Every structure is written in C-alpha cells, then in structure tokens.
Amino acid sequence: MQYSKNNTLRRHTPIYLDSAFLSEARRGSVVGTRNISIYFLSGLILCLLLLSACSSSGSVPGGNTIKAMPTPLVDTAIQHQGTAQLQVFQQWIALMQQYGGDTTTYQQQYNADAQALQNAKTTAAYKTALTALNSHVEAIKLPAMKAETVKLQQQLQQEVASWGQQHQYHNAYDNTNYPLGYEYGPNGIGGWVQDDLNSAQTLADYQQAIENEHMYLDNFQAMTANSTDKTPYNQPHQADLQLIQHYGKTNSKVVIVSLQEQAMRVYDNGKLVNAFLVTTGRPNLPTPPGVWWVEGKQSPTVFKPAPGTPRNSPEWYPDTPINFAMQYHSNGYFLHDSWWRADYGPGTNYPHADASGDIFSAQGSHGCVNLSKENAGWLYNFVQVYTPIIIY
C-alpha cells in the first residue's frame, strides 16, 4: 500500500504473473542479492575510512571538536617577575613626579619595556627584555630619591624663612631683631641638610637624609604650634605629648627641650616629672633640633675647644671644668651644668647682661643645653645611656 500526498489510502488491482516469469525473477533475485551484498560491504568500508579520518582530525561523536592547547613559550614565573617589576618602575616614576623630578626619559623607558615584554615570544627573549627593565629601575632610584631630598629641603627652607619673617624676637640689649626658629636656618639644621645632600652618594645616604628632613620638619611644625601655647613651662605641653607619641617614646623616659621657651621638661612613661629653665645655643651657634639620645655620661670632665681654634673665634672658650655632662650628639653637643651662669630661660640665648657679670654668660651657649648645677645633677641621675632627647 502507498499513501498519496493527501494521506488517502489507494487500492490497486491485483496483478497475476505466469510461472515462467516467476522462475526468471527468482534467478535474477539471487544475482541481485549478491550485488547488494558487495555494495553494502563497500559502503561499510568507506564509512569506516571516513570515521577514521574524522577521528584523526579532532572530531568526536556528537560533533564536538577538540582544540589542541598550545604549549606556553614563555615561562609563567618569569612573566610574573616582569609584571611585578613594571609596577615597581611605575611607583618610582610616580615618586619622582610627586617631588617635581623630570620623568620624561623614564616614562619612555617604561613604555618601551612594557612593549618589549609583551612582544617577547620565548623565555630567552623575555629575559632579555626583563634585564633591560631591571637596569632602568636601578637607574631611576638615585635621581628619584635626590628629587625627594631636594624638595623636602626646599619645603623646610621656605617654612623656616616665612616663619622667621613673621615672628621675630626684639632684643633690647643690642637693639636687634632675631628671627625665631633660627635653629632650623642656614647656621643650624639648614646647613646640616645641605651637607647631607652634598655628601650623599648611595641609596642609604639619601634615605638617611630624607628621614632626617622629615624629623626636622616635624619638630619645626611642633615648635610653631607650641608658640601659641600659653601653658606654663613647668606643666605638660600638648606639643611635647604629640612628639612623644609620634616618635614612639610613650613608655620610656624622655627629655624634651623647647627652644622657643628656653625650657626643659622631663617625662617618664608620658608623665611630667620635672621641668627646668635652660640656655641653648646663640644664633650663630644654635642648638640642633631633632630626636637624639644620651650617648654618654661624664662626671666630672673638662671641656676644651677644638685644637687650633683661634682665641678670637666665637667657638673658642677656655678649658672649663664641668660637673655633669650628658652627650647627646657626637659632634660635641651636651646637656651640662653651666656653673658660671646666673640666669636661664627666655632671652638668655641672645646677647644679654647676665646677673653673674661673667662675659661668657652674656650670650647663649656654643650649641649645648645649659642648666644650673643643681638641675644638671638631678638630670644626670635620672637619665641613662640611650634615654631619648627631643629638641624642638
């Protein structure tokens, strides 16, 4: 039976075949069967060959294609090194830009290095590009740190000069106006900063110079803040406590010297335990502000001027016996008694008429911090080697 296009069943008239025709048909069916078998086997072999070819080209049943994964030509670990080093290079460039340095050449090198690493197709080529990058990173370090040092120096100079112009001490004794904060100026810390910059040659040199400049700036800003504090000298000052905390000295003994007040305050575990009036360095031989420590103690001793100092030099003085000496800087700066003085406190670091009448008492010190004999004795027994000393 067959179905028509409209799916209606058709009926056919029966066909009757004679015996001769059927006999011939049977013989033809045998031959046809053999031909069909040959054709079937040939088709089966052809299909197997086609399947084999498909399998070898990456096909799997279901039509999904397996893509061969390429073998990495650049070692992954060294690629990580390149990425990290590019970040380091960019950080140095940013630092140099922050402090006003010219980064044109270094930015060009960075761009070229990044491109070279990206274009490298083998580990050997990548290593070559990485070597160039490493050399560029090393080359920028000194210029970047020098730029930071110079910028901080300029900041300190500008702040000190501006403050000194606006805040001056009129000394009636010699009718002269002195800028406050002169200890941070060219005759004092400003000169030390320039010396550091002139002598710096290594990364360690510049790093130390930068740390020192931050210290001087912090102490100078504490001095300016303390200038408006009307708290008596023998009571805790907010600037003292902030510096003690800033430098991590809250759990130790600390000696604080306020240059503008010409006063010393002594703390133990953040608590004020004593306070004295002092005399510090004169304008041309200032006491160095900073964070120092007791390097040694001597009782008694004799102070002598540097060998060869001419008698007409402001740095000359006769051999002087000292009862209590506490060195806080290796350049010869001490906390010590000055038994020849009668007066201490504000103004005694400038030219003045000391009540003792001694000519060596008529000015500030040569850079040391002077105390009365009694107060120096108390301090000598209180401090130990490495006791911090903060001068601001």
Protein backbone atom coordinates (compact mmCIF):
# COMPACT_ATOMS: atom_id res chain seq x y z
CA MET A 1 0.00 0.00 0.00
CA GLN A 2 1.07 3.58 -0.60
CA TYR A 3 -0.18 6.87 0.75
CA SER A 4 -0.98 9.73 -1.55
CA LYS A 5 0.06 13.25 -0.83
CA ASN A 6 -3.24 13.83 0.89
CA ASN A 7 -2.69 10.69 3.00
CA THR A 8 -5.71 8.80 1.50
CA LEU A 9 -5.36 5.06 1.05
CA ARG A 10 -5.24 3.91 -2.59
CA ARG A 11 -6.46 0.49 -3.75
CA HIS A 12 -4.66 -1.33 -6.65
CA THR A 13 -5.97 -4.02 -8.95
CA PRO A 14 -4.16 -7.39 -8.33
CA ILE A 15 -1.50 -8.35 -10.91
CA TYR A 16 -1.18 -12.04 -11.80
CA LEU A 17 2.25 -13.34 -13.09
CA ASP A 18 2.82 -16.53 -15.04
CA SER A 19 5.19 -19.26 -13.85
CA ALA A 20 7.88 -18.58 -16.45
CA PHE A 21 8.18 -15.03 -15.35
CA LEU A 22 8.44 -16.02 -11.69
CA SER A 23 11.19 -18.55 -12.45
CA GLU A 24 13.24 -15.92 -14.24
CA ALA A 25 12.65 -13.47 -11.45
CA ARG A 26 13.95 -15.90 -8.82
CA ARG A 27 17.19 -16.33 -10.77
CA GLY A 28 17.56 -12.51 -11.01
CA SER A 29 16.94 -12.07 -7.30
CA VAL A 30 19.92 -14.28 -6.44
CA VAL A 31 22.23 -12.22 -8.61
CA GLY A 32 20.74 -9.03 -7.18
CA THR A 33 21.24 -10.24 -3.66
CA ARG A 34 24.93 -10.87 -4.36
CA ASN A 35 25.33 -7.42 -5.91
CA ILE A 36 23.60 -5.81 -2.95
CA SER A 37 25.98 -7.62 -0.53
CA ILE A 38 29.03 -6.33 -2.43
CA TYR A 39 27.68 -2.82 -2.47
CA PHE A 40 26.88 -2.99 1.26
CA LEU A 41 30.37 -4.14 2.21
CA SER A 42 31.98 -1.49 0.04
CA GLY A 43 29.85 1.20 1.65
CA LEU A 44 30.67 -0.07 5.15
CA ILE A 45 34.41 0.05 4.46
CA LEU A 46 34.08 3.56 3.07
CA CYS A 47 32.23 4.71 6.18
CA LEU A 48 34.90 3.23 8.44
CA LEU A 49 37.60 5.05 6.49
CA LEU A 50 35.70 8.32 6.78
CA LEU A 51 35.19 7.88 10.53
CA SER A 52 38.88 7.15 10.96
CA ALA A 53 39.76 10.32 9.08
CA CYS A 54 37.37 12.40 11.21
CA SER A 55 38.81 10.99 14.43
CA SER A 56 42.35 11.88 13.37
CA SER A 57 41.28 15.48 12.65
CA GLY A 58 39.98 16.00 16.22
CA SER A 59 36.31 15.07 15.84
CA VAL A 60 34.44 13.06 18.42
CA PRO A 61 30.98 11.54 18.36
CA GLY A 62 28.39 14.21 18.80
CA GLY A 63 30.11 16.69 16.53
CA ASN A 64 32.31 18.37 19.23
CA THR A 65 35.80 19.40 18.11
CA ILE A 66 38.81 19.05 20.48
CA LYS A 67 41.18 22.01 20.07
CA ALA A 68 44.83 21.32 20.73
CA MET A 69 46.19 23.59 23.55
CA PRO A 70 49.34 25.46 22.51
CA THR A 71 52.39 24.95 24.71
CA PRO A 72 53.41 28.22 26.51
CA LEU A 73 56.65 29.56 25.01
CA VAL A 74 57.43 31.99 27.91
CA ASP A 75 57.86 30.67 31.44
CA THR A 76 54.96 31.79 33.64
CA ALA A 77 57.16 32.51 36.67
CA ILE A 78 59.36 34.91 34.75
CA GLN A 79 56.27 36.63 33.36
CA HIS A 80 55.19 37.32 36.95
CA GLN A 81 58.61 38.87 37.59
CA GLY A 82 58.15 41.17 34.62
CA THR A 83 54.71 42.27 35.73
CA ALA A 84 55.92 42.99 39.27
CA GLN A 85 58.97 44.89 38.07
CA LEU A 86 56.86 47.07 35.78
CA GLN A 87 54.77 48.01 38.81
CA VAL A 88 57.94 48.88 40.76
CA PHE A 89 59.18 51.04 37.89
CA GLN A 90 55.86 52.89 37.75
CA GLN A 91 56.00 53.52 41.52
CA TRP A 92 59.44 55.09 41.22
CA ILE A 93 58.25 57.26 38.35
CA ALA A 94 55.24 58.38 40.45
CA LEU A 95 57.52 59.20 43.39
CA MET A 96 59.79 61.28 41.19
CA GLN A 97 56.80 63.12 39.71
CA GLN A 98 55.45 63.81 43.21
CA TYR A 99 58.64 65.64 44.14
CA GLY A 100 58.97 67.59 40.91
CA GLY A 101 61.55 65.48 39.09
CA ASP A 102 61.72 65.19 35.31
CA THR A 103 60.40 61.73 34.41
CA THR A 104 60.21 62.10 30.62
CA THR A 105 63.07 59.71 29.86
CA TYR A 106 61.96 57.18 32.46
CA GLN A 107 58.38 57.14 31.19
CA GLN A 108 59.66 56.47 27.67
CA GLN A 109 61.78 53.62 29.01
CA TYR A 110 58.77 52.22 30.87
CA ASN A 111 56.65 52.23 27.72
CA ALA A 112 59.41 50.56 25.70
CA ASP A 113 59.99 47.92 28.40
CA ALA A 114 56.29 47.11 28.65
CA GLN A 115 56.10 46.70 24.87
CA ALA A 116 59.23 44.54 24.75
CA LEU A 117 57.85 42.18 27.39
CA GLN A 118 54.54 41.94 25.59
CA ASN A 119 56.20 41.17 22.26
CA ALA A 120 58.57 38.52 23.66
CA LYS A 121 57.59 35.08 22.27
CA THR A 122 60.21 32.97 24.02
CA THR A 123 61.64 32.77 27.52
CA ALA A 124 65.03 33.89 26.24
CA ALA A 125 63.55 36.98 24.58
CA TYR A 126 61.52 37.75 27.71
CA LYS A 127 64.64 37.50 29.90
CA THR A 128 66.45 39.95 27.63
CA ALA A 129 63.60 42.46 27.93
CA LEU A 130 63.42 41.90 31.70
CA THR A 131 67.15 42.59 32.07
CA ALA A 132 66.70 45.94 30.35
CA LEU A 133 63.74 46.72 32.62
CA ASN A 134 65.75 45.88 35.74
CA SER A 135 68.55 48.20 34.67
CA HIS A 136 66.09 51.05 34.14
CA VAL A 137 64.57 50.53 37.59
CA GLU A 138 68.01 50.69 39.19
CA ALA A 139 68.85 53.82 37.18
CA ILE A 140 65.86 55.80 38.43
CA LYS A 141 66.34 55.18 42.15
CA LEU A 142 69.08 57.69 42.91
CA PRO A 143 67.55 60.54 40.84
CA ALA A 144 64.14 59.91 42.40
CA MET A 145 65.47 59.97 45.94
CA LYS A 146 67.56 63.03 45.19
CA ALA A 147 64.44 64.77 43.89
CA GLU A 148 62.67 63.93 47.16
CA THR A 149 65.60 65.19 49.22
CA VAL A 150 65.77 68.48 47.32
CA LYS A 151 62.01 69.00 47.56
CA LEU A 152 61.98 68.42 51.32
CA GLN A 153 64.96 70.75 51.71
CA GLN A 154 63.10 73.46 49.81
CA GLN A 155 60.00 72.92 51.93
CA LEU A 156 62.00 73.28 55.15
CA GLN A 157 63.79 76.40 53.88
CA GLN A 158 60.55 78.06 52.81
CA GLU A 159 58.71 77.29 56.04
CA VAL A 160 61.60 78.45 58.22
CA ALA A 161 62.15 81.66 56.22
CA SER A 162 58.46 82.51 56.19
CA TRP A 163 58.10 81.88 59.91
CA GLY A 164 61.21 83.88 60.73
CA GLN A 165 60.00 86.87 58.75
CA GLN A 166 56.68 86.91 60.57
CA HIS A 167 57.96 86.00 64.05
CA GLN A 168 60.96 87.84 65.43
CA TYR A 169 62.48 88.44 68.82
CA HIS A 170 63.47 92.02 69.52
CA ASN A 171 66.48 92.02 71.79
CA ALA A 172 66.59 95.30 73.68
CA TYR A 173 70.14 94.61 74.88
CA ASP A 174 71.65 95.04 71.40
CA ASN A 175 68.53 96.53 69.73
CA THR A 176 68.44 93.73 67.18
CA ASN A 177 65.61 91.69 65.75
CA TYR A 178 66.31 87.95 65.55
CA PRO A 179 64.13 85.55 63.55
CA LEU A 180 62.56 82.88 65.70
CA GLY A 181 63.38 79.36 64.66
CA TYR A 182 66.92 80.31 63.62
CA GLU A 183 68.00 76.86 64.81
CA TYR A 184 66.41 75.48 61.64
CA GLY A 185 68.08 78.04 59.36
CA PRO A 186 71.35 78.11 57.40
CA ASN A 187 73.54 78.35 60.51
CA GLY A 188 71.78 75.38 62.03
CA ILE A 189 69.82 72.46 60.65
CA GLY A 190 69.52 74.07 57.24
CA GLY A 191 73.30 73.80 56.89
CA TRP A 192 73.25 70.19 58.06
CA VAL A 193 70.63 69.33 55.43
CA GLN A 194 72.77 70.89 52.71
CA ASP A 195 75.80 68.94 53.92
CA ASP A 196 73.80 65.71 53.79
CA LEU A 197 72.72 66.46 50.23
CA ASN A 198 76.23 67.38 49.11
CA SER A 199 77.77 64.19 50.50
CA ALA A 200 75.02 61.72 49.56
CA GLN A 201 76.20 59.09 47.07
CA THR A 202 74.28 55.91 47.83
CA LEU A 203 70.64 54.98 48.31
CA ALA A 204 71.34 54.60 52.03
CA ASP A 205 72.77 58.15 52.15
CA TYR A 206 69.68 59.62 50.52
CA GLN A 207 67.36 57.54 52.67
CA GLN A 208 69.03 58.83 55.82
CA ALA A 209 68.88 62.40 54.54
CA ILE A 210 65.16 62.02 53.81
CA GLU A 211 64.47 60.60 57.28
CA ASN A 212 66.36 63.49 58.86
CA GLU A 213 64.43 66.06 56.83
CA HIS A 214 61.10 64.60 57.88
CA MET A 215 62.29 64.72 61.50
CA TYR A 216 63.32 68.39 61.22
CA LEU A 217 60.03 69.30 59.55
CA ASP A 218 58.02 67.51 62.23
CA ASN A 219 59.92 69.24 65.03
CA PHE A 220 59.75 72.65 63.36
CA GLN A 221 55.99 72.35 62.93
CA ALA A 222 55.72 71.33 66.60
CA MET A 223 57.66 74.47 67.53
CA THR A 224 55.33 76.72 65.55
CA ALA A 225 52.28 75.04 67.09
CA ASN A 226 53.72 75.38 70.58
CA SER A 227 54.35 79.10 70.07
CA THR A 228 50.70 79.87 70.78
CA ASP A 229 50.50 77.55 73.81
CA LYS A 230 50.30 79.69 76.95
CA THR A 231 50.76 76.75 79.30
CA PRO A 232 53.48 77.50 81.88
CA TYR A 233 56.85 75.93 81.09
CA ASN A 234 56.68 73.62 84.12
CA GLN A 235 53.46 71.92 83.04
CA PRO A 236 52.88 69.37 80.26
CA HIS A 237 52.59 70.87 76.76
CA GLN A 238 50.46 69.41 74.02
CA ALA A 239 53.34 69.64 71.52
CA ASP A 240 55.52 67.58 73.88
CA LEU A 241 52.96 64.83 74.20
CA GLN A 242 52.33 64.70 70.46
CA LEU A 243 56.02 64.39 69.69
CA ILE A 244 56.49 61.72 72.36
CA GLN A 245 53.68 59.72 70.79
CA HIS A 246 54.83 60.41 67.22
CA TYR A 247 58.30 59.06 67.94
CA GLY A 248 57.02 56.10 69.96
CA LYS A 249 58.51 57.15 73.30
CA THR A 250 55.40 56.96 75.49
CA ASN A 251 56.74 54.03 77.52
CA SER A 252 60.15 55.41 78.38
CA LYS A 253 61.97 58.32 79.94
CA VAL A 254 62.14 61.33 77.60
CA VAL A 255 63.88 64.68 77.86
CA ILE A 256 62.13 67.49 75.94
CA VAL A 257 63.83 70.81 75.16
CA SER A 258 61.66 73.67 73.88
CA LEU A 259 63.99 76.10 72.10
CA GLN A 260 61.49 78.95 71.92
CA GLU A 261 60.64 78.65 75.60
CA GLN A 262 64.24 78.01 76.67
CA ALA A 263 62.82 75.28 78.84
CA MET A 264 63.32 71.57 79.52
CA ARG A 265 60.57 69.16 80.52
CA VAL A 266 61.32 65.63 81.66
CA TYR A 267 58.76 62.85 81.18
CA ASP A 268 58.59 59.28 82.42
CA ASN A 269 56.06 56.98 80.72
CA GLY A 270 54.21 60.01 79.39
CA LYS A 271 54.04 61.77 82.78
CA LEU A 272 55.85 65.02 83.54
CA VAL A 273 58.29 64.50 86.42
CA ASN A 274 60.38 67.71 86.33
CA ALA A 275 60.95 70.94 84.42
CA PHE A 276 63.82 73.45 84.24
CA LEU A 277 64.70 76.71 82.55
CA VAL A 278 67.74 76.37 80.29
CA THR A 279 70.02 78.33 77.96
CA THR A 280 70.60 76.98 74.45
CA GLY A 281 72.84 77.94 71.54
CA ARG A 282 73.25 81.53 70.33
CA PRO A 283 72.03 82.49 66.82
CA ASN A 284 75.37 81.82 65.11
CA LEU A 285 75.98 78.57 67.07
CA PRO A 286 72.48 77.13 67.50
CA THR A 287 71.45 74.01 69.37
CA PRO A 288 70.44 71.36 66.80
CA PRO A 289 66.78 70.35 66.97
CA GLY A 290 65.95 66.72 66.34
CA VAL A 291 65.48 63.39 68.05
CA TRP A 292 68.66 62.30 69.80
CA TRP A 293 69.61 60.18 72.80
CA VAL A 294 72.12 60.18 75.62
CA GLU A 295 75.30 58.79 74.07
CA GLY A 296 77.45 59.00 77.19
CA LYS A 297 77.74 60.50 80.68
CA GLN A 298 80.75 62.10 82.34
CA SER A 299 81.08 63.45 85.89
CA PRO A 300 83.30 65.36 86.25
CA THR A 301 85.02 66.32 83.00
CA VAL A 302 86.76 69.24 81.30
CA PHE A 303 85.54 70.87 78.12
CA LYS A 304 88.16 72.18 75.71
CA PRO A 305 87.80 73.97 72.37
CA ALA A 306 88.73 72.09 69.22
CA PRO A 307 92.51 72.05 68.69
CA GLY A 308 93.68 75.04 66.71
CA THR A 309 90.61 77.20 67.41
CA PRO A 310 91.82 80.85 67.42
CA ARG A 311 91.08 82.89 70.53
CA ASN A 312 89.09 85.43 68.53
CA SER A 313 86.77 82.75 67.16
CA PRO A 314 83.22 82.62 68.54
CA GLU A 315 83.83 78.91 69.08
CA TRP A 316 86.80 79.46 71.40
CA TYR A 317 86.48 79.21 75.18
CA PRO A 318 88.96 78.47 77.96
CA ASP A 319 89.29 74.96 79.34
CA THR A 320 86.21 74.60 81.52
CA PRO A 321 85.57 72.07 84.28
CA ILE A 322 82.09 70.54 84.09
CA ASN A 323 80.35 68.70 86.90
CA PHE A 324 77.64 66.84 84.97
CA ALA A 325 77.88 66.23 81.23
CA MET A 326 75.49 64.17 79.12
CA GLN A 327 76.42 63.96 75.44
CA TYR A 328 73.50 63.78 73.02
CA HIS A 329 75.26 64.23 69.68
CA SER A 330 78.67 63.03 68.54
CA ASN A 331 79.61 66.48 67.20
CA GLY A 332 80.21 67.59 70.74
CA TYR A 333 76.73 68.60 71.91
CA PHE A 334 75.92 68.08 75.59
CA LEU A 335 73.36 68.70 78.27
CA HIS A 336 75.52 70.05 81.07
CA ASP A 337 75.77 72.39 84.01
CA SER A 338 77.00 75.94 83.41
CA TRP A 339 78.00 76.98 86.92
CA TRP A 340 79.23 80.35 85.63
CA ARG A 341 75.72 81.46 84.64
CA ALA A 342 73.17 83.02 86.94
CA ASP A 343 70.27 83.43 84.51
CA TYR A 344 68.33 80.89 82.42
CA GLY A 345 65.17 80.99 80.39
CA PRO A 346 63.73 83.12 77.56
CA GLY A 347 66.18 85.60 76.07
CA THR A 348 69.32 84.07 77.54
CA ASN A 349 70.24 82.53 74.18
CA TYR A 350 70.69 86.09 72.81
CA PRO A 351 73.20 88.74 73.90
CA HIS A 352 72.24 89.91 77.39
CA ALA A 353 73.61 91.10 80.71
CA ASP A 354 73.82 88.04 82.94
CA ALA A 355 73.50 88.67 86.66
CA SER A 356 76.81 86.88 87.23
CA GLY A 357 78.70 89.54 85.31
CA ASP A 358 80.74 86.83 83.59
CA ILE A 359 81.46 87.71 79.93
CA PHE A 360 80.96 84.09 78.90
CA SER A 361 77.46 84.25 80.38
CA ALA A 362 76.42 87.23 78.28
CA GLN A 363 75.37 85.12 75.29
CA GLY A 364 73.81 81.80 74.51
CA SER A 365 75.84 78.61 74.57
CA HIS A 366 78.05 77.20 71.82
CA GLY A 367 75.24 74.77 70.96
CA CYS A 368 74.93 72.80 74.19
CA VAL A 369 71.93 72.90 76.51
CA ASN A 370 72.99 74.64 79.74
CA LEU A 371 71.39 74.04 83.13
CA SER A 372 72.18 75.12 86.65
CA LYS A 373 74.48 72.79 88.55
CA GLU A 374 71.66 71.56 90.78
CA ASN A 375 69.31 70.81 87.90
CA ALA A 376 72.06 69.18 85.85
CA GLY A 377 72.86 66.93 88.80
CA TRP A 378 69.24 65.80 89.08
CA LEU A 379 69.07 65.14 85.33
CA TYR A 380 72.37 63.27 85.35
CA ASN A 381 70.99 60.82 87.92
CA PHE A 382 67.68 60.45 86.06
CA VAL A 383 68.84 59.67 82.54
CA GLN A 384 70.64 56.64 81.26
CA VAL A 385 72.57 55.94 78.08
CA TYR A 386 70.03 55.82 75.21
CA THR A 387 67.45 57.95 77.05
CA PRO A 388 65.70 59.83 74.21
CA ILE A 389 66.16 63.58 73.88
CA ILE A 390 63.72 65.53 71.72
CA ILE A 391 64.67 69.12 70.90
CA TYR A 392 62.23 71.30 69.01
